[in-house]
């Protein structure tokens, strides 16, 4: 059975591929987001084997925020 990575709900499912560090998924959440977001992020970390969870300090629920973008750039460079 192949492991499937769900990146964006509703988009085509693709088989998960490991990057050079052996991680399947990089999960990112802001520390100023609501408690439900943090609960879901931690649950996803437990459910996705070989995943990493990064909590971005000072980030709210806005992906355009500079703290989020810096973390996303670091995650992409690590692939």
N, C-alpha and C. Protein backbone atom coordinates (compact mmCIF):
# COMPACT_ATOMS: atom_id res chain seq x y z
N UNK A 1 0.84 -1.18 0.00
CA UNK A 1 0.00 0.00 0.00
C UNK A 1 0.88 1.24 0.00
N UNK A 2 0.62 2.17 -0.92
CA UNK A 2 1.41 3.39 -1.00
C UNK A 2 0.91 4.42 0.00
N UNK A 3 1.83 5.15 0.59
CA UNK A 3 1.48 6.25 1.50
C UNK A 3 1.15 7.46 0.63
N UNK A 4 0.05 8.11 0.92
CA UNK A 4 -0.39 9.28 0.15
C UNK A 4 -0.21 10.53 1.00
N UNK A 5 0.33 11.59 0.40
CA UNK A 5 0.48 12.87 1.09
C UNK A 5 -0.65 13.79 0.64
N UNK A 6 -1.41 14.30 1.57
CA UNK A 6 -2.48 15.23 1.26
C UNK A 6 -1.98 16.64 1.53
N UNK A 7 -1.57 17.33 0.48
CA UNK A 7 -1.00 18.66 0.64
C UNK A 7 -2.13 19.70 0.76
N UNK A 8 -3.03 19.73 -0.23
CA UNK A 8 -4.13 20.68 -0.24
C UNK A 8 -5.41 19.90 -0.48
N UNK A 9 -6.41 20.03 0.41
CA UNK A 9 -7.66 19.29 0.21
C UNK A 9 -8.28 19.59 -1.15
N UNK A 10 -8.74 18.56 -1.83
CA UNK A 10 -9.39 18.73 -3.12
C UNK A 10 -8.46 18.61 -4.30
N UNK A 11 -7.16 18.67 -4.09
CA UNK A 11 -6.22 18.54 -5.19
C UNK A 11 -5.89 17.08 -5.42
N UNK A 12 -5.32 16.78 -6.57
CA UNK A 12 -4.97 15.41 -6.93
C UNK A 12 -4.01 14.82 -5.90
N UNK A 13 -4.26 13.61 -5.51
CA UNK A 13 -3.40 12.94 -4.54
C UNK A 13 -2.14 12.46 -5.24
N UNK A 14 -1.01 12.64 -4.59
CA UNK A 14 0.26 12.19 -5.16
C UNK A 14 0.99 11.34 -4.14
N UNK A 15 1.74 10.33 -4.60
CA UNK A 15 2.51 9.52 -3.65
C UNK A 15 3.54 10.38 -2.92
N UNK A 16 3.72 10.14 -1.64
CA UNK A 16 4.68 10.90 -0.85
C UNK A 16 6.10 10.53 -1.27
N UNK A 17 6.96 11.54 -1.37
CA UNK A 17 8.36 11.32 -1.69
C UNK A 17 9.20 11.87 -0.56
N UNK A 18 10.26 11.19 -0.24
CA UNK A 18 11.14 11.62 0.84
C UNK A 18 12.19 12.58 0.29
N UNK A 19 12.52 13.61 1.08
CA UNK A 19 13.62 14.48 0.67
C UNK A 19 14.93 13.89 1.18
N UNK A 20 16.00 14.59 1.00
CA UNK A 20 17.31 14.09 1.38
C UNK A 20 17.47 13.83 2.86
N UNK A 21 16.61 14.39 3.70
CA UNK A 21 16.70 14.22 5.13
C UNK A 21 15.79 13.12 5.66
N UNK A 22 15.14 12.40 4.77
CA UNK A 22 14.28 11.30 5.19
C UNK A 22 12.92 11.74 5.69
N UNK A 23 12.53 12.99 5.44
CA UNK A 23 11.23 13.47 5.89
C UNK A 23 10.22 13.38 4.74
N UNK A 24 9.01 12.97 5.05
CA UNK A 24 7.95 12.87 4.07
C UNK A 24 7.23 14.21 3.95
N UNK A 25 7.01 14.90 5.06
CA UNK A 25 6.26 16.15 5.05
C UNK A 25 6.84 17.13 6.07
N UNK A 26 6.82 18.40 5.71
CA UNK A 26 7.22 19.46 6.62
C UNK A 26 5.95 20.22 6.98
N UNK A 27 5.52 20.14 8.23
CA UNK A 27 4.32 20.83 8.70
C UNK A 27 4.74 22.12 9.38
N UNK A 28 4.02 23.19 9.10
CA UNK A 28 4.35 24.51 9.65
C UNK A 28 3.10 25.12 10.25
N UNK A 29 3.22 25.64 11.48
CA UNK A 29 2.11 26.32 12.16
C UNK A 29 2.66 27.51 12.94
N UNK A 30 1.85 28.54 13.08
CA UNK A 30 2.26 29.72 13.84
C UNK A 30 1.90 29.58 15.31
N UNK A 31 2.72 30.16 16.18
CA UNK A 31 2.45 30.03 17.61
C UNK A 31 1.30 30.93 18.08
N UNK A 32 0.85 31.87 17.24
CA UNK A 32 -0.26 32.74 17.61
C UNK A 32 -1.57 32.33 16.93
N UNK A 33 -1.59 31.13 16.38
CA UNK A 33 -2.82 30.61 15.78
C UNK A 33 -3.70 30.05 16.89
N UNK A 34 -4.93 29.73 16.55
CA UNK A 34 -5.87 29.22 17.53
C UNK A 34 -5.49 27.83 18.02
N UNK A 35 -6.09 27.43 19.14
CA UNK A 35 -5.77 26.12 19.72
C UNK A 35 -6.15 24.95 18.81
N UNK A 36 -7.20 25.11 18.00
CA UNK A 36 -7.60 24.03 17.08
C UNK A 36 -6.54 23.79 16.01
N UNK A 37 -5.91 24.85 15.52
CA UNK A 37 -4.85 24.70 14.52
C UNK A 37 -3.67 23.93 15.11
N UNK A 38 -3.30 24.27 16.34
CA UNK A 38 -2.18 23.59 16.98
C UNK A 38 -2.51 22.12 17.24
N UNK A 39 -3.74 21.86 17.67
CA UNK A 39 -4.17 20.47 17.90
C UNK A 39 -4.09 19.67 16.61
N UNK A 40 -4.58 20.26 15.51
CA UNK A 40 -4.57 19.57 14.22
C UNK A 40 -3.14 19.36 13.70
N UNK A 41 -2.28 20.34 13.89
CA UNK A 41 -0.89 20.22 13.44
C UNK A 41 -0.18 19.10 14.18
N UNK A 42 -0.37 19.04 15.49
CA UNK A 42 0.26 17.98 16.28
C UNK A 42 -0.30 16.60 15.92
N UNK A 43 -1.61 16.54 15.66
CA UNK A 43 -2.23 15.27 15.25
C UNK A 43 -1.69 14.83 13.90
N UNK A 44 -1.52 15.77 12.98
CA UNK A 44 -0.97 15.44 11.66
C UNK A 44 0.47 14.94 11.81
N UNK A 45 1.24 15.55 12.69
CA UNK A 45 2.63 15.12 12.93
C UNK A 45 2.67 13.68 13.41
N UNK A 46 1.73 13.33 14.30
CA UNK A 46 1.69 11.95 14.81
C UNK A 46 1.25 10.96 13.72
N UNK A 47 0.33 11.39 12.84
CA UNK A 47 -0.23 10.49 11.84
C UNK A 47 0.67 10.31 10.61
N UNK A 48 1.49 11.31 10.29
CA UNK A 48 2.36 11.23 9.11
C UNK A 48 3.74 10.78 9.57
N UNK A 49 4.08 9.56 9.24
CA UNK A 49 5.36 9.00 9.64
C UNK A 49 6.49 9.80 8.97
N UNK A 50 7.57 10.01 9.68
CA UNK A 50 8.74 10.73 9.19
C UNK A 50 8.44 12.17 8.79
N UNK A 51 7.55 12.83 9.52
CA UNK A 51 7.24 14.23 9.25
C UNK A 51 7.89 15.10 10.31
N UNK A 52 7.97 16.40 10.00
CA UNK A 52 8.51 17.34 10.97
C UNK A 52 7.49 18.46 11.17
N UNK A 53 7.40 18.98 12.37
CA UNK A 53 6.49 20.08 12.68
C UNK A 53 7.33 21.25 13.17
N UNK A 54 7.17 22.40 12.50
CA UNK A 54 7.87 23.62 12.88
C UNK A 54 6.83 24.62 13.37
N UNK A 55 7.03 25.14 14.58
CA UNK A 55 6.18 26.17 15.13
C UNK A 55 6.89 27.50 14.91
N UNK A 56 6.26 28.40 14.15
CA UNK A 56 6.86 29.68 13.78
C UNK A 56 6.51 30.71 14.84
N UNK A 57 7.52 31.25 15.53
CA UNK A 57 7.29 32.24 16.57
C UNK A 57 6.79 33.55 15.96
N UNK A 58 5.74 34.10 16.57
CA UNK A 58 5.20 35.38 16.15
C UNK A 58 4.29 35.32 14.94
N UNK A 59 4.00 34.14 14.42
CA UNK A 59 3.17 34.00 13.23
C UNK A 59 1.71 33.76 13.59
N UNK A 60 0.84 34.50 12.93
CA UNK A 60 -0.60 34.32 13.10
C UNK A 60 -1.10 33.45 11.95
N UNK A 61 -2.41 33.41 11.77
CA UNK A 61 -3.03 32.59 10.72
C UNK A 61 -3.01 33.36 9.40
N UNK A 62 -1.80 33.67 8.89
CA UNK A 62 -1.64 34.43 7.65
C UNK A 62 -0.38 33.94 6.96
N UNK A 63 -0.54 33.17 5.89
CA UNK A 63 0.62 32.59 5.21
C UNK A 63 1.48 33.64 4.52
N UNK A 64 0.95 34.83 4.32
CA UNK A 64 1.72 35.91 3.70
C UNK A 64 2.60 36.66 4.68
N UNK A 65 2.53 36.32 5.94
CA UNK A 65 3.34 36.98 6.97
C UNK A 65 4.81 36.62 6.79
N UNK A 66 5.70 37.60 7.04
CA UNK A 66 7.13 37.40 6.76
C UNK A 66 7.73 36.23 7.53
N UNK A 67 7.26 35.98 8.75
CA UNK A 67 7.80 34.86 9.54
C UNK A 67 7.47 33.51 8.88
N UNK A 68 6.23 33.40 8.41
CA UNK A 68 5.82 32.18 7.71
C UNK A 68 6.65 31.99 6.44
N UNK A 69 6.76 33.05 5.64
CA UNK A 69 7.47 32.95 4.37
C UNK A 69 8.93 32.55 4.57
N UNK A 70 9.58 33.09 5.59
CA UNK A 70 10.97 32.72 5.87
C UNK A 70 11.07 31.23 6.21
N UNK A 71 10.12 30.72 6.99
CA UNK A 71 10.13 29.31 7.36
C UNK A 71 9.87 28.42 6.14
N UNK A 72 8.95 28.84 5.28
CA UNK A 72 8.66 28.08 4.07
C UNK A 72 9.88 28.04 3.16
N UNK A 73 10.58 29.15 3.03
CA UNK A 73 11.79 29.17 2.20
C UNK A 73 12.84 28.20 2.74
N UNK A 74 13.01 28.19 4.08
CA UNK A 74 13.97 27.24 4.68
C UNK A 74 13.57 25.80 4.41
N UNK A 75 12.27 25.51 4.50
CA UNK A 75 11.79 24.15 4.26
C UNK A 75 12.02 23.74 2.81
N UNK A 76 11.79 24.65 1.88
CA UNK A 76 11.99 24.33 0.46
C UNK A 76 13.48 24.11 0.17
N UNK A 77 14.33 24.93 0.74
CA UNK A 77 15.77 24.77 0.51
C UNK A 77 16.30 23.46 1.06
N UNK A 78 15.64 22.91 2.07
CA UNK A 78 16.12 21.67 2.66
C UNK A 78 15.73 20.45 1.84
N UNK A 79 14.89 20.61 0.82
CA UNK A 79 14.47 19.48 -0.01
C UNK A 79 15.56 19.05 -0.95
